N, C-alpha and C. Protein backbone atom coordinates (compact mmCIF):
# COMPACT_ATOMS: atom_id res chain seq x y z
N UNK A 1 0.84 -1.19 0.00
CA UNK A 1 0.00 0.00 0.00
C UNK A 1 0.88 1.24 0.00
N UNK A 2 0.52 2.22 -0.80
CA UNK A 2 1.31 3.45 -0.84
C UNK A 2 1.16 4.25 0.45
N UNK A 3 2.13 5.09 0.71
CA UNK A 3 2.10 5.94 1.89
C UNK A 3 1.23 7.16 1.60
N UNK A 4 0.27 7.38 2.46
CA UNK A 4 -0.61 8.54 2.33
C UNK A 4 -0.46 9.36 3.61
N UNK A 5 0.35 10.41 3.53
CA UNK A 5 0.57 11.27 4.69
C UNK A 5 -0.69 12.07 4.97
N UNK A 6 -0.88 12.51 6.20
CA UNK A 6 -2.07 13.32 6.50
C UNK A 6 -2.24 14.55 5.60
N UNK A 7 -1.17 15.33 5.32
CA UNK A 7 -1.38 16.48 4.43
C UNK A 7 -1.80 16.07 3.01
N UNK A 8 -1.24 14.97 2.52
CA UNK A 8 -1.59 14.50 1.19
C UNK A 8 -3.02 13.96 1.16
N UNK A 9 -3.43 13.29 2.24
CA UNK A 9 -4.80 12.79 2.36
C UNK A 9 -5.79 13.96 2.32
N UNK A 10 -5.50 14.99 3.09
CA UNK A 10 -6.37 16.17 3.12
C UNK A 10 -6.42 16.82 1.74
N UNK A 11 -5.28 16.94 1.10
CA UNK A 11 -5.24 17.57 -0.23
C UNK A 11 -6.05 16.78 -1.25
N UNK A 12 -5.95 15.44 -1.21
CA UNK A 12 -6.73 14.62 -2.15
C UNK A 12 -8.21 14.69 -1.83
N UNK A 13 -8.58 14.66 -0.55
CA UNK A 13 -9.99 14.81 -0.17
C UNK A 13 -10.53 16.14 -0.68
N UNK A 14 -9.76 17.20 -0.49
CA UNK A 14 -10.21 18.53 -0.93
C UNK A 14 -10.34 18.61 -2.44
N UNK A 15 -9.39 18.01 -3.16
CA UNK A 15 -9.43 18.04 -4.63
C UNK A 15 -10.65 17.28 -5.16
N UNK A 16 -10.95 16.15 -4.54
CA UNK A 16 -12.12 15.37 -4.96
C UNK A 16 -13.40 16.15 -4.63
N UNK A 17 -13.46 16.73 -3.45
CA UNK A 17 -14.64 17.51 -3.06
C UNK A 17 -14.86 18.70 -3.98
N UNK A 18 -13.77 19.33 -4.40
CA UNK A 18 -13.88 20.46 -5.33
C UNK A 18 -14.48 20.00 -6.65
N UNK A 19 -13.97 18.90 -7.18
CA UNK A 19 -14.52 18.38 -8.44
C UNK A 19 -15.97 17.95 -8.26
N UNK A 20 -16.29 17.36 -7.12
CA UNK A 20 -17.64 16.90 -6.83
C UNK A 20 -18.60 18.07 -6.65
N UNK A 21 -18.07 19.21 -6.21
CA UNK A 21 -18.89 20.41 -6.07
C UNK A 21 -19.37 20.70 -4.66
N UNK A 22 -18.99 19.86 -3.71
CA UNK A 22 -19.36 20.09 -2.32
C UNK A 22 -18.55 19.17 -1.42
N UNK A 23 -18.40 19.54 -0.15
CA UNK A 23 -17.70 18.65 0.78
C UNK A 23 -18.49 17.35 0.96
N UNK A 24 -17.77 16.28 1.16
CA UNK A 24 -18.43 14.98 1.38
C UNK A 24 -18.55 14.77 2.89
N UNK A 25 -19.71 15.11 3.42
CA UNK A 25 -19.93 15.09 4.86
C UNK A 25 -20.91 14.01 5.32
N UNK A 26 -21.66 13.45 4.39
CA UNK A 26 -22.70 12.50 4.76
C UNK A 26 -22.57 11.24 3.91
N UNK A 27 -23.03 10.11 4.43
CA UNK A 27 -22.98 8.88 3.64
C UNK A 27 -23.65 9.00 2.27
N UNK A 28 -24.71 9.77 2.19
CA UNK A 28 -25.40 9.93 0.90
C UNK A 28 -24.50 10.62 -0.13
N UNK A 29 -23.60 11.49 0.33
CA UNK A 29 -22.64 12.11 -0.59
C UNK A 29 -21.72 11.06 -1.19
N UNK A 30 -21.31 10.09 -0.38
CA UNK A 30 -20.44 9.02 -0.86
C UNK A 30 -21.17 8.13 -1.86
N UNK A 31 -22.45 7.90 -1.63
CA UNK A 31 -23.25 7.14 -2.60
C UNK A 31 -23.29 7.87 -3.94
N UNK A 32 -23.50 9.19 -3.89
CA UNK A 32 -23.56 9.99 -5.12
C UNK A 32 -22.20 10.03 -5.81
N UNK A 33 -21.12 10.13 -5.05
CA UNK A 33 -19.79 10.14 -5.64
C UNK A 33 -19.47 8.79 -6.28
N UNK A 34 -19.87 7.72 -5.65
CA UNK A 34 -19.65 6.38 -6.23
C UNK A 34 -20.32 6.28 -7.59
N UNK A 35 -21.54 6.79 -7.71
CA UNK A 35 -22.24 6.76 -8.98
C UNK A 35 -21.53 7.64 -10.01
N UNK A 36 -21.05 8.79 -9.59
CA UNK A 36 -20.35 9.68 -10.51
C UNK A 36 -19.02 9.08 -10.97
N UNK A 37 -18.30 8.44 -10.06
CA UNK A 37 -17.03 7.81 -10.43
C UNK A 37 -17.23 6.71 -11.46
N UNK A 38 -18.29 5.94 -11.29
CA UNK A 38 -18.52 4.83 -12.22
C UNK A 38 -18.89 5.31 -13.62
N UNK A 39 -19.37 6.55 -13.74
CA UNK A 39 -19.74 7.11 -15.04
C UNK A 39 -18.64 7.97 -15.65
N UNK A 40 -17.68 8.40 -14.85
CA UNK A 40 -16.69 9.37 -15.28
C UNK A 40 -15.67 8.76 -16.24
N UNK A 41 -15.46 9.42 -17.36
CA UNK A 41 -14.43 8.99 -18.32
C UNK A 41 -13.04 9.18 -17.72
N UNK A 42 -12.88 10.15 -16.82
CA UNK A 42 -11.58 10.42 -16.20
C UNK A 42 -11.08 9.24 -15.38
N UNK A 43 -11.98 8.50 -14.79
CA UNK A 43 -11.58 7.38 -13.94
C UNK A 43 -11.59 6.06 -14.69
N UNK A 44 -11.94 6.08 -15.96
CA UNK A 44 -12.00 4.84 -16.72
C UNK A 44 -13.10 3.93 -16.23
N UNK A 45 -14.14 4.53 -15.69
CA UNK A 45 -15.29 3.80 -15.13
C UNK A 45 -14.88 2.84 -14.02
N UNK A 46 -13.81 3.19 -13.30
CA UNK A 46 -13.41 2.37 -12.16
C UNK A 46 -14.42 2.55 -11.04
N UNK A 47 -14.63 1.49 -10.30
CA UNK A 47 -15.62 1.53 -9.24
C UNK A 47 -14.95 1.55 -7.88
N UNK A 48 -15.43 2.41 -6.99
CA UNK A 48 -15.07 2.39 -5.58
C UNK A 48 -16.36 2.27 -4.80
N UNK A 49 -16.38 1.41 -3.83
CA UNK A 49 -17.61 1.22 -3.08
C UNK A 49 -17.89 2.43 -2.18
N UNK A 50 -19.16 2.67 -1.90
CA UNK A 50 -19.49 3.76 -0.97
C UNK A 50 -18.83 3.57 0.40
N UNK A 51 -18.64 2.33 0.85
CA UNK A 51 -17.99 2.12 2.15
C UNK A 51 -16.52 2.52 2.10
N UNK A 52 -15.85 2.28 0.98
CA UNK A 52 -14.46 2.74 0.82
C UNK A 52 -14.42 4.26 0.86
N UNK A 53 -15.34 4.90 0.17
CA UNK A 53 -15.40 6.36 0.16
C UNK A 53 -15.71 6.92 1.54
N UNK A 54 -16.58 6.26 2.27
CA UNK A 54 -16.89 6.71 3.65
C UNK A 54 -15.64 6.66 4.52
N UNK A 55 -14.85 5.58 4.37
CA UNK A 55 -13.61 5.48 5.14
C UNK A 55 -12.63 6.59 4.71
N UNK A 56 -12.49 6.79 3.41
CA UNK A 56 -11.55 7.78 2.91
C UNK A 56 -11.90 9.19 3.39
N UNK A 57 -13.17 9.51 3.42
CA UNK A 57 -13.60 10.85 3.82
C UNK A 57 -13.85 10.98 5.33
N UNK A 58 -13.49 9.96 6.08
CA UNK A 58 -13.53 10.04 7.54
C UNK A 58 -14.90 9.94 8.16
N UNK A 59 -15.86 9.37 7.42
CA UNK A 59 -17.21 9.23 7.97
C UNK A 59 -17.35 7.98 8.83
N UNK A 60 -16.42 7.05 8.69
CA UNK A 60 -16.34 5.87 9.55
C UNK A 60 -14.87 5.65 9.90
N UNK A 61 -14.62 4.99 11.00
CA UNK A 61 -13.25 4.74 11.47
C UNK A 61 -12.53 3.79 10.53
N UNK A 62 -11.24 4.03 10.36
CA UNK A 62 -10.42 3.17 9.52
C UNK A 62 -9.02 3.10 10.10
N UNK A 63 -8.49 1.91 10.12
CA UNK A 63 -7.09 1.72 10.48
C UNK A 63 -6.38 1.17 9.26
N UNK A 64 -5.16 1.57 9.08
CA UNK A 64 -4.39 1.09 7.94
C UNK A 64 -4.47 2.06 6.77
N UNK A 65 -3.93 1.62 5.64
CA UNK A 65 -3.83 2.48 4.48
C UNK A 65 -4.91 2.21 3.45
N UNK A 66 -4.66 2.72 2.25
CA UNK A 66 -5.59 2.57 1.14
C UNK A 66 -4.86 1.90 -0.01
N UNK A 67 -5.58 1.13 -0.77
CA UNK A 67 -5.01 0.48 -1.95
C UNK A 67 -4.70 1.51 -3.02
N UNK A 68 -3.71 1.21 -3.83
CA UNK A 68 -3.33 2.11 -4.91
C UNK A 68 -4.49 2.34 -5.87
N UNK A 69 -5.31 1.32 -6.09
CA UNK A 69 -6.49 1.45 -6.95
C UNK A 69 -7.38 2.60 -6.46
N UNK A 70 -7.61 2.66 -5.16
CA UNK A 70 -8.45 3.71 -4.57
C UNK A 70 -7.82 5.08 -4.80
N UNK A 71 -6.55 5.20 -4.49
CA UNK A 71 -5.87 6.49 -4.62
C UNK A 71 -5.75 6.93 -6.07
N UNK A 72 -5.43 6.00 -6.96
CA UNK A 72 -5.36 6.33 -8.38
C UNK A 72 -6.71 6.81 -8.91
N UNK A 73 -7.76 6.11 -8.55
CA UNK A 73 -9.10 6.48 -9.02
C UNK A 73 -9.48 7.87 -8.55
N UNK A 74 -9.24 8.17 -7.29
CA UNK A 74 -9.58 9.49 -6.77
C UNK A 74 -8.69 10.58 -7.37
N UNK A 75 -7.42 10.30 -7.57
CA UNK A 75 -6.53 11.28 -8.20
C UNK A 75 -6.94 11.55 -9.64
N UNK A 76 -7.33 10.51 -10.36
CA UNK A 76 -7.80 10.69 -11.74
C UNK A 76 -9.07 11.54 -11.77
N UNK A 77 -9.96 11.26 -10.85
CA UNK A 77 -11.20 12.05 -10.76
C UNK A 77 -10.87 13.52 -10.50
N UNK A 78 -9.82 13.77 -9.72
CA UNK A 78 -9.43 15.14 -9.38
C UNK A 78 -8.63 15.81 -10.50
N UNK A 79 -8.38 15.07 -11.59
CA UNK A 79 -7.74 15.70 -12.74
C UNK A 79 -6.29 15.35 -12.97
N UNK A 80 -5.77 14.36 -12.27
CA UNK A 80 -4.37 13.96 -12.42
C UNK A 80 -4.30 12.61 -13.11
N UNK A 81 -3.13 12.28 -13.63
CA UNK A 81 -3.00 11.01 -14.36
C UNK A 81 -3.04 9.81 -13.43
N UNK A 82 -2.55 9.96 -12.21
CA UNK A 82 -2.61 8.90 -11.20
C UNK A 82 -2.20 9.50 -9.86
N UNK A 83 -2.14 8.66 -8.83
CA UNK A 83 -1.82 9.15 -7.49
C UNK A 83 -0.40 9.68 -7.41
N UNK A 84 0.54 9.03 -8.09
CA UNK A 84 1.93 9.49 -8.06
C UNK A 84 2.04 10.90 -8.63
N UNK A 85 1.29 11.19 -9.69
CA UNK A 85 1.30 12.52 -10.28
C UNK A 85 0.65 13.54 -9.33
N UNK A 86 -0.35 13.10 -8.60
CA UNK A 86 -1.01 14.00 -7.65
C UNK A 86 -0.05 14.36 -6.51
N UNK A 87 0.64 13.34 -5.99
CA UNK A 87 1.50 13.52 -4.82
C UNK A 87 2.82 14.14 -5.15
């Protein structure tokens, strides 16, 4: 799993929220983002589950890191080629 420092995590959350058009504060926001990600040409129609998004946005407790698939998908949605380019 790639290293996601707290400042980088916050920056990626903010970049995704900016593209989404609002902060992701509620589980229903994560459901809507999951639907948007699956339709987005930027993400290659990659799917992230709403529960993964809830963990990423701090709506539920999580220990450990995130898979590169998750970080790449979110970075692509935010307008970057992948997570390495974002970071």
